[in-house]
C-alpha cells in the first residue's frame, strides 16, 4: 500500500491499517481527507512540527470524488509524537481560500491527548510554525477519541471526521460544499 490520491470508494479501513503497518513506530497516524466538494483542492503544502513522513506528501491536487491518503509518525529517539498542518488552496473566480488541517499525537498521554482540527481561511495561507501555532490556539480542536465530529466551515462548506485515541490511529475526514451531494 502506498500514500497517494485514491477514489473515495477505494479508501477503506483496510487501506489505512496497511499503511499504518508499514511505519515502525509506536506513535503513528494514517490520514485521509476525502473531497466531496465541487472544487479541486490544489497546491498542497505541509509543515511538520514533530515527527516525520517517510513516504513524502502527495503533491497532486484532490479533485471531486477523490481523497488523499498519507501517514506520519514519531521520529526515532524523540520525546515528541507527531504533529503538523496541511493546507490546500481553493481558487475559483469567486473563491481564494485555504483549507487547513492539523493533527497532534503526543509521545506521552499523561496530561495529553490526540486531537485534530480543520478550518477554512480566506486567502492563501503560508504553512509554517507560526501558522501551526495560530491554528492550534485560535479555536478548540476535536479530541481524538473515536467519536465523529461535524461542523460548518463557512461559505456552505462542511465536514465530518473522526480520529482514534490510541498511539496508532487513523483520521478520516470528508469535506463537502453542498454543491456535490453526497459522495460518501
N, C-alpha and C. Protein backbone atom coordinates (compact mmCIF):
# COMPACT_ATOMS: atom_id res chain seq x y z
N UNK A 1 0.84 -1.18 0.00
CA UNK A 1 0.00 0.00 0.00
C UNK A 1 0.88 1.24 0.00
N UNK A 2 0.34 2.29 -0.53
CA UNK A 2 1.15 3.49 -0.65
C UNK A 2 0.31 4.73 -0.41
N UNK A 3 0.98 5.79 -0.02
CA UNK A 3 0.30 7.07 0.11
C UNK A 3 -0.02 7.58 -1.29
N UNK A 4 -1.02 8.44 -1.41
CA UNK A 4 -1.36 8.99 -2.72
C UNK A 4 -2.79 9.47 -2.77
N UNK A 5 -3.27 9.68 -3.99
CA UNK A 5 -4.64 10.12 -4.24
C UNK A 5 -5.42 8.90 -4.73
N UNK A 6 -6.57 8.64 -4.09
CA UNK A 6 -7.40 7.48 -4.38
C UNK A 6 -8.83 7.90 -4.66
N UNK A 7 -9.57 7.05 -5.40
CA UNK A 7 -11.02 7.21 -5.46
C UNK A 7 -11.55 7.02 -4.04
N UNK A 8 -12.55 7.80 -3.67
CA UNK A 8 -13.07 7.70 -2.30
C UNK A 8 -13.53 6.28 -1.98
N UNK A 9 -14.15 5.61 -2.94
CA UNK A 9 -14.64 4.25 -2.69
C UNK A 9 -13.51 3.26 -2.39
N UNK A 10 -12.28 3.59 -2.78
CA UNK A 10 -11.13 2.71 -2.53
C UNK A 10 -10.44 3.00 -1.20
N UNK A 11 -10.84 4.06 -0.52
CA UNK A 11 -10.23 4.40 0.77
C UNK A 11 -11.00 3.69 1.86
N UNK A 12 -10.42 2.62 2.35
CA UNK A 12 -11.08 1.77 3.35
C UNK A 12 -10.23 1.71 4.61
N UNK A 13 -10.84 1.19 5.66
CA UNK A 13 -10.10 0.96 6.89
C UNK A 13 -8.94 0.02 6.67
N UNK A 14 -9.12 -0.97 5.79
CA UNK A 14 -8.04 -1.91 5.49
C UNK A 14 -6.85 -1.20 4.84
N UNK A 15 -7.11 -0.26 3.94
CA UNK A 15 -6.04 0.51 3.31
C UNK A 15 -5.28 1.32 4.35
N UNK A 16 -6.00 2.03 5.21
CA UNK A 16 -5.35 2.85 6.24
C UNK A 16 -4.57 1.98 7.22
N UNK A 17 -5.12 0.83 7.60
CA UNK A 17 -4.40 -0.09 8.50
C UNK A 17 -3.13 -0.62 7.86
N UNK A 18 -3.18 -0.92 6.56
CA UNK A 18 -1.99 -1.41 5.85
C UNK A 18 -0.90 -0.34 5.83
N UNK A 19 -1.28 0.90 5.64
CA UNK A 19 -0.29 1.99 5.65
C UNK A 19 0.31 2.15 7.04
N UNK A 20 -0.52 2.04 8.08
CA UNK A 20 0.00 2.12 9.45
C UNK A 20 1.01 1.01 9.74
N UNK A 21 0.75 -0.19 9.24
CA UNK A 21 1.64 -1.33 9.50
C UNK A 21 3.03 -1.11 8.90
N UNK A 22 3.12 -0.32 7.85
CA UNK A 22 4.41 -0.05 7.22
C UNK A 22 5.31 0.84 8.07
N UNK A 23 4.74 1.58 9.00
CA UNK A 23 5.51 2.51 9.83
C UNK A 23 5.98 1.81 11.09
N UNK A 24 7.25 1.92 11.38
CA UNK A 24 7.86 1.24 12.53
C UNK A 24 7.98 2.20 13.71
N UNK A 25 6.85 2.57 14.29
CA UNK A 25 6.85 3.49 15.41
C UNK A 25 5.62 3.23 16.27
N UNK A 26 5.72 3.54 17.55
CA UNK A 26 4.59 3.38 18.44
C UNK A 26 3.62 4.54 18.37
N UNK A 27 4.02 5.64 17.79
CA UNK A 27 3.16 6.81 17.63
C UNK A 27 3.09 7.12 16.14
N UNK A 28 1.94 6.81 15.54
CA UNK A 28 1.79 6.98 14.10
C UNK A 28 0.33 7.21 13.74
N UNK A 29 0.14 7.81 12.58
CA UNK A 29 -1.21 8.14 12.14
C UNK A 29 -1.32 7.98 10.62
N UNK A 30 -2.43 7.40 10.18
CA UNK A 30 -2.80 7.39 8.76
C UNK A 30 -3.94 8.39 8.61
N UNK A 31 -3.79 9.30 7.66
CA UNK A 31 -4.74 10.40 7.48
C UNK A 31 -5.36 10.32 6.10
N UNK A 32 -6.68 10.51 6.03
CA UNK A 32 -7.33 10.67 4.74
C UNK A 32 -8.25 11.88 4.78
N UNK A 33 -8.18 12.68 3.74
CA UNK A 33 -9.09 13.81 3.55
C UNK A 33 -9.80 13.55 2.23
N UNK A 34 -11.11 13.34 2.30
CA UNK A 34 -11.92 12.99 1.14
C UNK A 34 -12.65 14.24 0.63
N UNK A 35 -12.54 14.47 -0.67
CA UNK A 35 -13.12 15.67 -1.27
C UNK A 35 -14.46 15.37 -1.93
N UNK A 36 -15.54 15.69 -1.23
CA UNK A 36 -16.89 15.58 -1.79
C UNK A 36 -17.43 16.94 -2.20
N UNK A 37 -16.55 17.91 -2.31
CA UNK A 37 -16.98 19.25 -2.75
C UNK A 37 -16.99 19.31 -4.27
N UNK A 38 -17.48 20.39 -4.81
CA UNK A 38 -17.47 20.58 -6.26
C UNK A 38 -16.18 21.25 -6.73
N UNK A 39 -15.26 21.53 -5.81
CA UNK A 39 -14.00 22.21 -6.13
C UNK A 39 -12.82 21.25 -6.03
N UNK A 40 -11.74 21.58 -6.70
CA UNK A 40 -10.50 20.82 -6.59
C UNK A 40 -9.62 21.46 -5.52
N UNK A 41 -9.06 20.63 -4.65
CA UNK A 41 -8.11 21.09 -3.64
C UNK A 41 -6.73 21.03 -4.26
N UNK A 42 -6.04 22.18 -4.32
CA UNK A 42 -4.79 22.27 -5.08
C UNK A 42 -3.62 22.74 -4.23
N UNK A 43 -2.44 22.61 -4.82
CA UNK A 43 -1.18 23.13 -4.26
C UNK A 43 -0.99 22.81 -2.78
N UNK A 44 -0.98 21.53 -2.43
CA UNK A 44 -0.83 21.19 -1.01
C UNK A 44 0.53 21.60 -0.46
N UNK A 45 0.49 22.11 0.74
CA UNK A 45 1.71 22.47 1.48
C UNK A 45 1.60 21.82 2.85
N UNK A 46 2.75 21.46 3.42
CA UNK A 46 2.75 20.78 4.71
C UNK A 46 3.84 21.34 5.60
N UNK A 47 3.54 21.43 6.88
CA UNK A 47 4.53 21.78 7.90
C UNK A 47 4.43 20.71 8.98
N UNK A 48 5.53 20.05 9.26
CA UNK A 48 5.57 19.04 10.32
C UNK A 48 6.31 19.63 11.50
N UNK A 49 5.60 19.81 12.61
CA UNK A 49 6.20 20.36 13.82
C UNK A 49 7.02 19.30 14.53
N UNK A 50 6.49 18.09 14.60
CA UNK A 50 7.24 16.99 15.21
C UNK A 50 6.91 15.71 14.45
N UNK A 51 7.88 14.82 14.40
CA UNK A 51 7.71 13.58 13.68
C UNK A 51 8.27 13.67 12.27
N UNK A 52 7.86 12.72 11.44
CA UNK A 52 8.37 12.63 10.08
C UNK A 52 7.35 11.93 9.20
N UNK A 53 7.57 12.01 7.89
CA UNK A 53 6.80 11.20 6.94
C UNK A 53 7.82 10.60 5.98
N UNK A 54 7.95 9.32 6.05
CA UNK A 54 8.97 8.63 5.25
C UNK A 54 8.61 8.54 3.77
N UNK A 55 7.34 8.58 3.45
CA UNK A 55 6.91 8.39 2.07
C UNK A 55 6.72 9.70 1.31
N UNK A 56 6.84 10.84 1.99
CA UNK A 56 6.59 12.12 1.33
C UNK A 56 5.11 12.40 1.23
N UNK A 57 4.77 13.65 1.03
CA UNK A 57 3.36 14.03 0.92
C UNK A 57 2.99 14.13 -0.55
N UNK A 58 1.85 13.54 -0.95
CA UNK A 58 1.44 13.58 -2.36
C UNK A 58 1.23 15.02 -2.83
N UNK A 59 1.95 15.46 -3.88
CA UNK A 59 1.85 16.84 -4.35
C UNK A 59 0.65 17.09 -5.26
N UNK A 60 -0.09 16.04 -5.58
CA UNK A 60 -1.17 16.14 -6.54
C UNK A 60 -2.40 16.86 -5.98
N UNK A 61 -3.18 17.50 -6.86
CA UNK A 61 -4.46 18.06 -6.43
C UNK A 61 -5.44 16.93 -6.08
N UNK A 62 -6.48 17.28 -5.31
CA UNK A 62 -7.53 16.31 -4.97
C UNK A 62 -8.81 16.77 -5.67
N UNK A 63 -9.16 16.13 -6.80
CA UNK A 63 -10.40 16.51 -7.48
C UNK A 63 -11.62 15.94 -6.74
N UNK A 64 -12.79 16.36 -7.16
CA UNK A 64 -14.04 15.86 -6.62
C UNK A 64 -14.08 14.33 -6.71
N UNK A 65 -14.52 13.68 -5.64
CA UNK A 65 -14.64 12.22 -5.63
C UNK A 65 -13.37 11.48 -5.31
N UNK A 66 -12.32 12.21 -4.98
CA UNK A 66 -11.03 11.59 -4.63
C UNK A 66 -10.64 11.99 -3.21
N UNK A 67 -9.65 11.31 -2.68
CA UNK A 67 -9.14 11.64 -1.36
C UNK A 67 -7.65 11.39 -1.28
N UNK A 68 -6.98 12.12 -0.41
CA UNK A 68 -5.57 11.91 -0.16
C UNK A 68 -5.44 10.90 0.97
N UNK A 69 -4.46 10.03 0.86
CA UNK A 69 -4.11 9.08 1.92
C UNK A 69 -2.64 9.30 2.21
N UNK A 70 -2.32 9.50 3.48
CA UNK A 70 -0.97 9.87 3.88
C UNK A 70 -0.71 9.39 5.30
N UNK A 71 0.53 9.35 5.71
CA UNK A 71 0.86 8.90 7.07
C UNK A 71 2.05 9.67 7.63
N UNK A 72 2.07 9.79 8.95
CA UNK A 72 3.17 10.43 9.67
C UNK A 72 3.43 9.61 10.93
N UNK A 73 4.65 9.74 11.44
CA UNK A 73 4.98 9.01 12.66
C UNK A 73 6.02 9.75 13.48
N UNK A 74 6.15 9.32 14.72
CA UNK A 74 7.14 9.86 15.64
C UNK A 74 8.53 9.58 15.10
N UNK A 75 9.44 10.51 15.29
CA UNK A 75 10.83 10.32 14.92
C UNK A 75 11.51 9.43 15.96
N UNK A 76 12.33 8.49 15.53
CA UNK A 76 13.04 7.60 16.46
C UNK A 76 13.82 8.40 17.48
N UNK A 77 13.83 7.94 18.70
CA UNK A 77 14.60 8.50 19.82
C UNK A 77 14.14 9.90 20.23
N UNK A 78 13.00 10.34 19.73
CA UNK A 78 12.47 11.66 20.10
C UNK A 78 11.52 11.52 21.28
N UNK A 79 11.41 12.57 22.06
CA UNK A 79 10.43 12.58 23.15
C UNK A 79 9.16 13.31 22.74
N UNK A 80 8.98 13.52 21.44
CA UNK A 80 7.77 14.13 20.89
C UNK A 80 7.04 13.10 20.05
N UNK A 81 5.78 13.29 19.86
CA UNK A 81 5.00 12.42 18.98
C UNK A 81 5.07 12.93 17.55
N UNK A 82 3.92 13.10 16.94
CA UNK A 82 3.86 13.67 15.59
C UNK A 82 2.75 14.72 15.55
N UNK A 83 3.05 15.83 14.90
CA UNK A 83 2.06 16.90 14.75
C UNK A 83 2.44 17.76 13.56
N UNK A 84 1.44 18.40 12.99
CA UNK A 84 1.70 19.28 11.86
C UNK A 84 0.42 19.82 11.26
N UNK A 85 0.57 20.46 10.12
CA UNK A 85 -0.57 21.07 9.43
C UNK A 85 -0.40 20.90 7.92
N UNK A 86 -1.52 20.65 7.25
CA UNK A 86 -1.58 20.51 5.79
C UNK A 86 -2.54 21.58 5.28
N UNK A 87 -2.17 22.29 4.22
CA UNK A 87 -3.04 23.32 3.65
C UNK A 87 -3.21 23.07 2.15
N UNK A 88 -4.46 23.11 1.70
CA UNK A 88 -4.80 23.06 0.27
C UNK A 88 -5.38 24.40 -0.13
N UNK A 89 -5.07 24.83 -1.36
CA UNK A 89 -5.59 26.09 -1.89
C UNK A 89 -6.84 25.79 -2.72
N UNK A 90 -7.86 26.62 -2.56
CA UNK A 90 -9.10 26.52 -3.33
C UNK A 90 -9.27 27.86 -4.03
N UNK A 91 -9.07 27.87 -5.36
CA UNK A 91 -9.15 29.14 -6.09
C UNK A 91 -10.07 28.98 -7.28
N UNK A 92 -11.09 29.83 -7.32
CA UNK A 92 -12.01 29.91 -8.45
C UNK A 92 -12.24 31.38 -8.74
N UNK A 93 -13.16 31.68 -9.65
CA UNK A 93 -13.49 33.08 -9.91
C UNK A 93 -14.06 33.76 -8.67
N UNK A 94 -14.75 32.99 -7.83
CA UNK A 94 -15.39 33.53 -6.64
C UNK A 94 -14.60 33.28 -5.35
N UNK A 95 -13.68 32.33 -5.37
CA UNK A 95 -13.01 31.90 -4.15
C UNK A 95 -11.51 32.07 -4.22
N UNK A 96 -10.93 32.40 -3.09
CA UNK A 96 -9.48 32.33 -2.88
C UNK A 96 -9.31 31.99 -1.40
N UNK A 97 -9.35 30.70 -1.12
CA UNK A 97 -9.34 30.24 0.27
C UNK A 97 -8.34 29.11 0.46
N UNK A 98 -8.05 28.87 1.74
CA UNK A 98 -7.16 27.79 2.14
C UNK A 98 -7.92 26.85 3.07
N UNK A 99 -7.86 25.56 2.76
CA UNK A 99 -8.41 24.53 3.64
C UNK A 99 -7.24 23.98 4.44
N UNK A 100 -7.27 24.18 5.75
CA UNK A 100 -6.16 23.77 6.61
C UNK A 100 -6.60 22.66 7.55
N UNK A 101 -5.76 21.65 7.69
CA UNK A 101 -6.00 20.52 8.58
C UNK A 101 -4.77 20.35 9.46
N UNK A 102 -4.98 20.17 10.76
CA UNK A 102 -3.84 19.90 11.65
C UNK A 102 -4.14 18.70 12.53
N UNK A 103 -3.06 18.06 12.99
CA UNK A 103 -3.17 16.89 13.86
C UNK A 103 -2.10 16.95 14.94
N UNK A 104 -2.34 16.20 16.01
CA UNK A 104 -1.32 16.03 17.04
C UNK A 104 -1.53 14.69 17.73
N UNK A 105 -0.46 13.91 17.78
CA UNK A 105 -0.42 12.67 18.55
C UNK A 105 0.77 12.79 19.48
N UNK A 106 0.53 12.87 20.80
CA UNK A 106 1.63 13.08 21.73
C UNK A 106 2.46 11.81 21.94
N UNK A 107 3.67 11.99 22.43
CA UNK A 107 4.52 10.86 22.81
C UNK A 107 3.98 10.24 24.10
N UNK A 108 3.61 11.08 25.06
CA UNK A 108 3.09 10.64 26.35
C UNK A 108 1.64 11.10 26.48
N UNK A 109 0.81 10.23 27.02
CA UNK A 109 -0.59 10.57 27.23
C UNK A 109 -0.87 11.09 28.64
N UNK A 110 0.17 11.36 29.42
CA UNK A 110 -0.01 11.99 30.72
C UNK A 110 -0.31 13.47 30.46
N UNK A 111 -1.51 13.89 30.78
CA UNK A 111 -1.99 15.26 30.54
C UNK A 111 -2.04 15.66 29.07
N UNK A 112 -2.01 14.71 28.15
CA UNK A 112 -2.08 15.00 26.71
C UNK A 112 -3.05 14.03 26.04
N UNK A 113 -3.53 14.38 24.87
CA UNK A 113 -4.44 13.53 24.11
C UNK A 113 -4.24 13.78 22.62
N UNK A 114 -4.73 12.86 21.81
CA UNK A 114 -4.77 13.07 20.37
C UNK A 114 -5.81 14.15 20.08
N UNK A 115 -5.54 14.99 19.07
CA UNK A 115 -6.53 15.94 18.62
C UNK A 115 -6.29 16.36 17.18
N UNK A 116 -7.33 16.94 16.58
CA UNK A 116 -7.28 17.38 15.19
C UNK A 116 -8.21 18.58 15.00
N UNK A 117 -8.00 19.27 13.89
CA UNK A 117 -8.82 20.44 13.56
C UNK A 117 -8.78 20.65 12.05
N UNK A 118 -9.89 21.13 11.51
CA UNK A 118 -9.95 21.51 10.10
C UNK A 118 -10.65 22.86 10.03
N UNK A 119 -10.13 23.75 9.18
CA UNK A 119 -10.66 25.12 9.13
C UNK A 119 -10.45 25.69 7.73
N UNK A 120 -11.37 26.56 7.32
CA UNK A 120 -11.29 27.25 6.04
C UNK A 120 -10.90 28.70 6.30
N UNK A 121 -9.84 29.18 5.62
CA UNK A 121 -9.34 30.54 5.79
C UNK A 121 -9.49 31.32 4.49
N UNK A 122 -9.72 32.62 4.59
CA UNK A 122 -9.71 33.49 3.42
C UNK A 122 -8.28 33.66 2.94
N UNK A 123 -8.07 33.63 1.62
CA UNK A 123 -6.74 33.83 1.05
C UNK A 123 -5.87 32.59 1.13
N UNK A 124 -4.66 32.73 0.65
CA UNK A 124 -3.69 31.64 0.67
C UNK A 124 -2.81 31.78 1.90
N UNK A 125 -2.85 30.79 2.76
CA UNK A 125 -2.07 30.80 4.00
C UNK A 125 -0.68 30.21 3.76
N UNK A 126 0.32 30.83 4.34
CA UNK A 126 1.68 30.29 4.33
C UNK A 126 1.76 29.22 5.41
N UNK A 127 2.31 28.09 5.07
CA UNK A 127 2.38 26.97 6.01
C UNK A 127 3.74 26.99 6.68
N UNK A 128 3.75 27.31 7.98
CA UNK A 128 4.98 27.40 8.75
C UNK A 128 4.65 27.25 10.23
N UNK A 129 5.67 27.38 11.08
CA UNK A 129 5.47 27.21 12.51
C UNK A 129 4.47 28.22 13.07
N UNK A 130 4.54 29.46 12.61
CA UNK A 130 3.63 30.50 13.10
C UNK A 130 2.17 30.16 12.76
N UNK A 131 1.94 29.68 11.54
CA UNK A 131 0.58 29.29 11.17
C UNK A 131 0.12 28.11 12.01
N UNK A 132 0.99 27.13 12.21
CA UNK A 132 0.66 25.98 13.05
C UNK A 132 0.23 26.45 14.44
N UNK A 133 1.02 27.33 15.05
CA UNK A 133 0.70 27.81 16.40
C UNK A 133 -0.59 28.62 16.42
N UNK A 134 -0.80 29.44 15.40
CA UNK A 134 -2.04 30.22 15.32
C UNK A 134 -3.25 29.30 15.22
N UNK A 135 -3.15 28.31 14.34
CA UNK A 135 -4.26 27.39 14.17
C UNK A 135 -4.50 26.57 15.44
N UNK A 136 -3.42 26.21 16.10
CA UNK A 136 -3.53 25.38 17.31
C UNK A 136 -4.29 26.10 18.42
N UNK A 137 -4.05 27.39 18.58
CA UNK A 137 -4.60 28.09 19.74
C UNK A 137 -5.83 28.94 19.47
N UNK A 138 -6.19 29.22 18.21
CA UNK A 138 -7.30 30.14 17.99
C UNK A 138 -8.68 29.51 18.20
N UNK A 139 -8.82 28.25 18.04
CA UNK A 139 -10.08 27.55 18.29
C UNK A 139 -9.78 26.22 18.95
N UNK A 140 -10.75 25.70 19.65
CA UNK A 140 -10.56 24.41 20.32
C UNK A 140 -10.58 23.28 19.28
N UNK A 141 -9.59 22.39 19.33
CA UNK A 141 -9.57 21.27 18.40
C UNK A 141 -10.53 20.16 18.85
N UNK A 142 -10.73 19.19 17.96
CA UNK A 142 -11.51 18.00 18.30
C UNK A 142 -10.60 16.98 18.96
N UNK A 143 -11.09 16.35 19.99
CA UNK A 143 -10.32 15.30 20.67
C UNK A 143 -10.36 14.03 19.83
N UNK A 144 -9.22 13.37 19.75
CA UNK A 144 -9.14 12.09 19.07
C UNK A 144 -9.57 10.99 20.02
N UNK A 145 -10.85 10.67 20.00
CA UNK A 145 -11.37 9.65 20.91
C UNK A 145 -12.26 8.64 20.21
N UNK A 146 -12.22 8.62 18.88
CA UNK A 146 -13.03 7.68 18.12
C UNK A 146 -14.43 8.17 17.82
N UNK A 147 -14.83 9.28 18.41
CA UNK A 147 -16.17 9.82 18.16
C UNK A 147 -16.17 10.70 16.92
N UNK A 148 -17.27 10.66 16.15
CA UNK A 148 -17.36 11.52 14.97
C UNK A 148 -17.69 12.96 15.36
N UNK A 149 -17.13 13.89 14.62
CA UNK A 149 -17.42 15.31 14.77
C UNK A 149 -17.82 15.84 13.41
N UNK A 150 -18.68 16.85 13.39
CA UNK A 150 -19.02 17.51 12.14
C UNK A 150 -19.18 18.98 12.41
N UNK A 151 -19.08 19.77 11.36
CA UNK A 151 -19.19 21.20 11.56
C UNK A 151 -19.27 21.98 10.27
N UNK A 152 -19.55 23.25 10.43
CA UNK A 152 -19.65 24.20 9.33
C UNK A 152 -18.31 24.90 9.17
N UNK A 153 -17.78 24.91 7.96
CA UNK A 153 -16.51 25.59 7.67
C UNK A 153 -16.74 27.00 7.13
N UNK A 154 -17.97 27.37 6.83
CA UNK A 154 -18.27 28.67 6.24
C UNK A 154 -18.41 28.57 4.74
N UNK A 155 -19.15 29.49 4.14
CA UNK A 155 -19.31 29.52 2.69
C UNK A 155 -20.04 28.32 2.13
N UNK A 156 -20.84 27.63 2.95
CA UNK A 156 -21.55 26.44 2.52
C UNK A 156 -20.75 25.15 2.68
N UNK A 157 -19.49 25.26 3.08
CA UNK A 157 -18.64 24.09 3.26
C UNK A 157 -18.87 23.49 4.64
N UNK A 158 -18.76 22.16 4.72
CA UNK A 158 -18.88 21.46 6.00
C UNK A 158 -17.98 20.24 5.99
N UNK A 159 -17.86 19.62 7.15
CA UNK A 159 -17.01 18.44 7.28
C UNK A 159 -17.63 17.46 8.27
N UNK A 160 -17.20 16.22 8.15
CA UNK A 160 -17.44 15.19 9.15
C UNK A 160 -16.12 14.43 9.27
N UNK A 161 -15.72 14.11 10.50
CA UNK A 161 -14.45 13.44 10.68
C UNK A 161 -14.33 12.75 12.02
N UNK A 162 -13.36 11.87 12.10
CA UNK A 162 -13.08 11.14 13.32
C UNK A 162 -11.60 10.83 13.41
N UNK A 163 -11.13 10.68 14.64
CA UNK A 163 -9.74 10.31 14.92
C UNK A 163 -9.73 9.36 16.10
N UNK A 164 -8.94 8.31 16.00
CA UNK A 164 -8.80 7.38 17.10
C UNK A 164 -8.00 7.98 18.25
N UNK A 165 -8.09 7.34 19.42
CA UNK A 165 -7.43 7.85 20.61
C UNK A 165 -6.13 7.15 20.96
N UNK A 166 -5.72 6.17 20.20
CA UNK A 166 -4.51 5.42 20.52
C UNK A 166 -3.29 6.02 19.83
N UNK A 167 -2.12 5.51 20.18
CA UNK A 167 -0.87 5.97 19.58
C UNK A 167 -0.72 5.55 18.13
N UNK A 168 -1.50 4.56 17.71
CA UNK A 168 -1.55 4.10 16.32
C UNK A 168 -2.99 4.31 15.88
N UNK A 169 -3.25 5.38 15.15
CA UNK A 169 -4.64 5.70 14.85
C UNK A 169 -4.81 6.19 13.42
N UNK A 170 -6.07 6.33 13.04
CA UNK A 170 -6.41 6.89 11.74
C UNK A 170 -7.26 8.14 11.93
N UNK A 171 -7.15 9.05 10.98
CA UNK A 171 -8.00 10.24 10.92
C UNK A 171 -8.70 10.18 9.56
N UNK A 172 -10.02 10.26 9.59
CA UNK A 172 -10.83 10.16 8.37
C UNK A 172 -11.75 11.37 8.31
N UNK A 173 -11.52 12.26 7.34
CA UNK A 173 -12.29 13.49 7.21
C UNK A 173 -12.88 13.57 5.80
N UNK A 174 -14.15 13.94 5.74
CA UNK A 174 -14.83 14.17 4.46
C UNK A 174 -15.31 15.61 4.44
N UNK A 175 -15.02 16.32 3.36
CA UNK A 175 -15.49 17.70 3.22
C UNK A 175 -16.47 17.80 2.05
N UNK A 176 -17.40 18.74 2.17
CA UNK A 176 -18.36 19.00 1.10
C UNK A 176 -18.68 20.49 1.08
N UNK A 177 -19.16 20.95 -0.07
CA UNK A 177 -19.55 22.35 -0.17
C UNK A 177 -21.04 22.50 -0.45
N UNK A 178 -21.78 21.41 -0.34
CA UNK A 178 -23.22 21.46 -0.56
C UNK A 178 -23.63 21.45 -2.02
N UNK A 179 -22.66 21.47 -2.94
CA UNK A 179 -22.97 21.51 -4.37
C UNK A 179 -22.77 20.17 -5.06
N UNK A 180 -22.31 19.17 -4.35
CA UNK A 180 -22.00 17.88 -4.95
C UNK A 180 -22.38 16.80 -3.94
N UNK A 181 -23.64 16.58 -3.73
CA UNK A 181 -24.12 15.73 -2.65
C UNK A 181 -24.22 14.29 -3.06
N UNK A 182 -24.25 13.44 -2.04
CA UNK A 182 -23.06 13.21 -1.24
C UNK A 182 -22.22 12.17 -1.93
N UNK A 183 -21.00 12.06 -1.60
CA UNK A 183 -20.15 11.05 -2.24
C UNK A 183 -19.56 10.10 -1.20
N UNK A 184 -20.10 10.09 0.00
CA UNK A 184 -19.60 9.13 1.00
C UNK A 184 -20.72 8.26 1.50
